[in-house]
Amino acid sequence: MSKKGCGFVSNSHPYGVEHKQRARVYFGLAIISILVTVPLSKGIDLLNISGIIKWFELPSVLGFYWILVKIFDVYIWRLKIIQRLKIVQIPDLNGEWIGELKSSHNETKKHGKLIIKQTWQQISINLHTDTSRSRSLMADIREDEYCDTVLSFEYHSETLQDAEQTMNDHNGFNVFTINKELNVLEGEYFTCRKRQTCGTMKFHRKLSRSGQKKEESPTLVPSM
């Protein structure tokens, strides 16, 4: 049994979505890169020939495309207008979520806090309780057969020093249904054969003092 008392470092990883969603955006950003870079490059060349600007070069089309993808990945995808126009249909789950877990083990209940950090391409999901810390290993967001948006992910959990002796480190799987207002996560979890338990969970997004959802500062995460 692990007796680690410190939390995990937040490690982001790619997550799956409906396969055409990102492909359409990548294609659109590539077209924008060409439309912007080629005319600007010709304009800079003319100014260099005229002696107005010297020793100045624009990034290549690929360089400009890379910059656009990074900006879109961290910032643009979260804009409300982008979501309303359905350019991006991935829900923004960034923030802290407070809730309760009910385990099949002795029907025990625990309070917990989910911390989700998400960009357009990557995500990290960390769960903190009084007895354990867990982090996501892989994740997926998509609609199920009932047209509900579902967040599912595999996790690894480590126990803390004051945990019961029957608890130990383990892997498991979570399935959350996301409500339309993006402020409630409700679902189930299943642990591996090592523990053979299951349970239910319900989390509410933590609100700021203004009553709006609490926004997390986006973190630039390298693509994998």
Protein backbone atom coordinates (compact mmCIF):
# COMPACT_ATOMS: atom_id res chain seq x y z
CA MET A 1 0.00 0.00 0.00
CA SER A 2 1.30 3.43 -0.91
CA LYS A 3 1.71 5.91 1.93
CA LYS A 4 2.29 9.01 -0.09
CA GLY A 5 0.87 12.16 1.40
CA CYS A 6 1.43 14.60 -1.41
CA GLY A 7 -0.82 15.23 -4.40
CA PHE A 8 -0.07 14.54 -8.05
CA VAL A 9 1.59 16.98 -10.37
CA SER A 10 -1.02 17.89 -12.95
CA ASN A 11 -0.15 15.84 -16.06
CA SER A 12 -2.20 16.55 -19.15
CA HIS A 13 -2.77 13.98 -21.87
CA PRO A 14 -4.69 13.85 -25.17
CA TYR A 15 -8.38 12.96 -25.09
CA GLY A 16 -10.66 11.52 -27.74
CA VAL A 17 -13.62 13.22 -29.40
CA GLU A 18 -15.83 12.52 -32.41
CA HIS A 19 -13.25 12.05 -35.16
CA LYS A 20 -14.37 14.80 -37.58
CA GLN A 21 -14.49 17.62 -35.02
CA ARG A 22 -10.78 18.35 -34.87
CA ALA A 23 -10.18 17.49 -38.53
CA ARG A 24 -12.49 20.33 -39.65
CA VAL A 25 -10.69 22.85 -37.44
CA TYR A 26 -7.23 21.72 -38.54
CA PHE A 27 -8.31 22.13 -42.17
CA GLY A 28 -9.77 25.60 -41.51
CA LEU A 29 -6.62 26.78 -39.71
CA ALA A 30 -4.49 25.51 -42.58
CA ILE A 31 -6.55 27.53 -45.10
CA ILE A 32 -6.29 30.66 -42.91
CA SER A 33 -2.52 30.19 -42.67
CA ILE A 34 -2.19 30.10 -46.46
CA LEU A 35 -4.54 33.03 -47.04
CA VAL A 36 -2.70 35.20 -44.51
CA THR A 37 0.92 34.18 -45.03
CA VAL A 38 1.19 34.28 -48.84
CA PRO A 39 -0.09 37.89 -49.36
CA LEU A 40 1.86 39.18 -46.36
CA SER A 41 5.01 37.48 -47.58
CA LYS A 42 4.68 39.10 -51.01
CA GLY A 43 4.07 42.48 -49.39
CA ILE A 44 7.16 42.15 -47.19
CA ASP A 45 9.24 41.15 -50.23
CA LEU A 46 8.12 44.30 -52.07
CA LEU A 47 9.00 46.48 -49.08
CA ASN A 48 12.40 44.81 -48.83
CA ILE A 49 13.07 45.48 -52.50
CA SER A 50 12.11 49.12 -51.99
CA GLY A 51 14.48 49.36 -49.06
CA ILE A 52 11.70 50.28 -46.61
CA ILE A 53 12.11 47.10 -44.54
CA LYS A 54 15.28 45.06 -44.46
CA TRP A 55 16.14 41.76 -42.86
CA PHE A 56 12.55 40.99 -41.95
CA GLU A 57 10.94 37.66 -42.71
CA LEU A 58 7.53 36.27 -41.88
CA PRO A 59 7.13 32.73 -40.53
CA SER A 60 6.50 30.11 -43.18
CA VAL A 61 3.01 28.79 -43.82
CA LEU A 62 3.79 25.84 -41.54
CA GLY A 63 5.18 28.15 -38.86
CA PHE A 64 2.09 30.38 -38.97
CA TYR A 65 -0.15 27.29 -38.90
CA TRP A 66 1.66 25.99 -35.79
CA ILE A 67 1.15 29.36 -34.05
CA LEU A 68 -2.57 29.38 -34.95
CA VAL A 69 -3.06 25.83 -33.64
CA LYS A 70 -1.41 26.70 -30.32
CA ILE A 71 -3.51 29.85 -29.85
CA PHE A 72 -6.69 28.00 -30.80
CA ASP A 73 -5.79 25.07 -28.53
CA VAL A 74 -5.42 27.22 -25.41
CA TYR A 75 -7.69 30.23 -25.91
CA ILE A 76 -9.92 30.46 -28.97
CA TRP A 77 -11.79 27.15 -28.59
CA ARG A 78 -13.25 28.33 -25.26
CA LEU A 79 -14.82 31.51 -26.63
CA LYS A 80 -18.61 31.51 -26.37
CA ILE A 81 -19.07 32.59 -29.99
CA ILE A 82 -16.97 29.64 -31.17
CA GLN A 83 -19.11 27.28 -29.10
CA ARG A 84 -22.41 28.87 -30.22
CA LEU A 85 -21.45 28.63 -33.89
CA LYS A 86 -20.62 24.96 -33.23
CA ILE A 87 -17.14 25.38 -34.69
CA VAL A 88 -16.15 23.50 -31.54
CA GLN A 89 -18.63 21.15 -29.86
CA ILE A 90 -16.31 20.01 -27.07
CA PRO A 91 -17.63 21.16 -23.66
CA ASP A 92 -15.34 23.38 -21.60
CA LEU A 93 -15.01 21.57 -18.25
CA ASN A 94 -12.19 23.67 -16.79
CA GLY A 95 -12.48 24.40 -13.09
CA GLU A 96 -13.13 22.89 -9.69
CA TRP A 97 -16.04 20.53 -9.08
CA ILE A 98 -17.31 19.72 -5.58
CA GLY A 99 -19.29 16.59 -4.84
CA GLU A 100 -19.83 13.22 -3.19
CA LEU A 101 -18.87 9.62 -3.88
CA LYS A 102 -20.86 6.61 -2.66
CA SER A 103 -18.92 3.33 -2.62
CA SER A 104 -20.19 -0.24 -2.70
CA HIS A 105 -17.61 -0.93 0.03
CA ASN A 106 -19.68 -0.73 3.24
CA GLU A 107 -21.94 1.82 1.49
CA THR A 108 -19.51 4.54 2.57
CA LYS A 109 -19.83 8.14 1.38
CA LYS A 110 -16.98 10.57 0.80
CA HIS A 111 -16.74 14.20 -0.15
CA GLY A 112 -14.36 15.00 -2.98
CA LYS A 113 -13.05 17.69 -5.27
CA LEU A 114 -12.41 17.28 -8.99
CA ILE A 115 -9.89 19.61 -10.61
CA ILE A 116 -10.13 19.63 -14.40
CA LYS A 117 -7.63 21.43 -16.62
CA GLN A 118 -8.46 21.27 -20.29
CA THR A 119 -7.37 22.65 -23.63
CA TRP A 120 -8.82 21.82 -27.04
CA GLN A 121 -6.43 18.88 -27.40
CA GLN A 122 -5.46 17.83 -23.88
CA ILE A 123 -6.97 17.33 -20.43
CA SER A 124 -6.07 16.39 -16.87
CA ILE A 125 -8.62 15.24 -14.29
CA ASN A 126 -7.55 15.01 -10.65
CA LEU A 127 -9.74 13.82 -7.77
CA HIS A 128 -8.94 14.75 -4.17
CA THR A 129 -10.60 13.04 -1.18
CA ASP A 130 -9.62 12.69 2.49
CA THR A 131 -8.05 9.30 1.82
CA SER A 132 -6.75 9.33 -1.75
CA ARG A 133 -5.57 11.25 -4.79
CA SER A 134 -6.27 10.11 -8.33
CA ARG A 135 -5.32 11.34 -11.79
CA SER A 136 -6.61 10.53 -15.24
CA LEU A 137 -4.55 8.39 -17.60
CA MET A 138 -6.70 8.64 -20.74
CA ALA A 139 -10.06 10.23 -21.49
CA ASP A 140 -12.84 10.58 -24.05
CA ILE A 141 -15.70 13.06 -24.54
CA ARG A 142 -18.56 12.23 -26.91
CA GLU A 143 -22.31 11.74 -27.19
CA ASP A 144 -23.84 8.40 -26.20
CA GLU A 145 -26.83 6.66 -27.79
CA TYR A 146 -29.20 8.89 -25.79
CA CYS A 147 -27.56 12.08 -27.16
CA ASP A 148 -26.10 12.88 -23.72
CA THR A 149 -22.55 14.17 -23.59
CA VAL A 150 -20.37 11.73 -21.66
CA LEU A 151 -16.92 12.13 -20.12
CA SER A 152 -15.20 8.80 -19.54
CA PHE A 153 -11.65 8.24 -18.34
CA GLU A 154 -9.29 5.72 -16.83
CA TYR A 155 -7.60 6.80 -13.61
CA HIS A 156 -4.84 5.79 -11.21
CA SER A 157 -5.49 6.29 -7.49
CA GLU A 158 -2.96 6.51 -4.67
CA THR A 159 -3.91 6.25 -0.99
CA LEU A 160 -2.88 8.73 1.67
CA GLN A 161 -1.28 7.98 5.02
CA ASP A 162 -4.49 8.11 7.05
CA ALA A 163 -6.43 5.78 4.74
CA GLU A 164 -7.92 2.49 5.90
CA GLN A 165 -5.59 -0.50 5.79
CA THR A 166 -7.97 -2.20 3.34
CA MET A 167 -7.36 0.56 0.78
CA ASN A 168 -4.52 0.34 -1.71
CA ASP A 169 -3.32 1.90 -4.93
CA HIS A 170 -5.39 0.88 -7.92
CA ASN A 171 -6.60 1.76 -11.41
CA GLY A 172 -10.21 2.24 -12.34
CA PHE A 173 -12.68 3.76 -14.79
CA ASN A 174 -15.12 6.69 -14.44
CA VAL A 175 -18.14 7.51 -16.61
CA PHE A 176 -19.80 10.92 -16.15
CA THR A 177 -22.85 12.34 -17.88
CA ILE A 178 -22.51 16.11 -18.40
CA ASN A 179 -25.71 18.14 -18.09
CA LYS A 180 -26.67 20.73 -20.72
CA GLU A 181 -25.70 23.69 -18.52
CA LEU A 182 -22.20 22.20 -18.00
CA ASN A 183 -22.43 22.53 -14.22
CA VAL A 184 -23.17 18.96 -13.07
CA LEU A 185 -21.18 15.75 -13.58
CA GLU A 186 -23.00 12.59 -12.52
CA GLY A 187 -22.03 8.99 -13.04
CA GLU A 188 -20.34 5.83 -11.86
CA TYR A 189 -16.90 4.43 -11.20
CA PHE A 190 -15.48 0.93 -11.34
CA THR A 191 -12.18 -0.23 -9.86
CA CYS A 192 -9.88 -2.96 -11.15
CA ARG A 193 -9.82 -6.57 -9.92
CA LYS A 194 -7.42 -5.56 -7.16
CA ARG A 195 -10.24 -3.78 -5.27
CA GLN A 196 -13.41 -4.95 -7.05
CA THR A 197 -15.59 -2.07 -5.93
CA CYS A 198 -17.90 0.33 -7.73
CA GLY A 199 -19.94 3.35 -6.83
CA THR A 200 -21.75 6.49 -7.88
CA MET A 201 -20.58 10.11 -7.97
CA LYS A 202 -22.12 13.53 -8.41
CA PHE A 203 -20.17 16.79 -8.71
CA HIS A 204 -21.25 20.42 -9.11
CA ARG A 205 -19.05 23.04 -10.73
CA LYS A 206 -17.73 25.51 -8.18
CA LEU A 207 -19.06 29.01 -8.76
CA SER A 208 -17.26 32.30 -8.26
CA ARG A 209 -18.66 35.00 -5.97
CA SER A 210 -20.42 36.56 -8.95
CA GLY A 211 -22.38 33.35 -9.48
CA GLN A 212 -20.56 32.53 -12.71
CA LYS A 213 -18.60 29.35 -13.20
CA LYS A 214 -15.09 29.67 -11.86
CA GLU A 215 -12.67 29.92 -14.76
CA GLU A 216 -9.27 28.26 -14.66
CA SER A 217 -6.37 30.06 -16.27
CA PRO A 218 -5.54 28.13 -19.44
CA THR A 219 -2.17 26.42 -19.45
CA LEU A 220 -0.24 25.88 -22.65
CA VAL A 221 0.36 22.16 -22.96
CA PRO A 222 2.58 20.69 -25.67
CA SER A 223 0.72 18.50 -28.13
CA MET A 224 1.52 14.80 -28.12
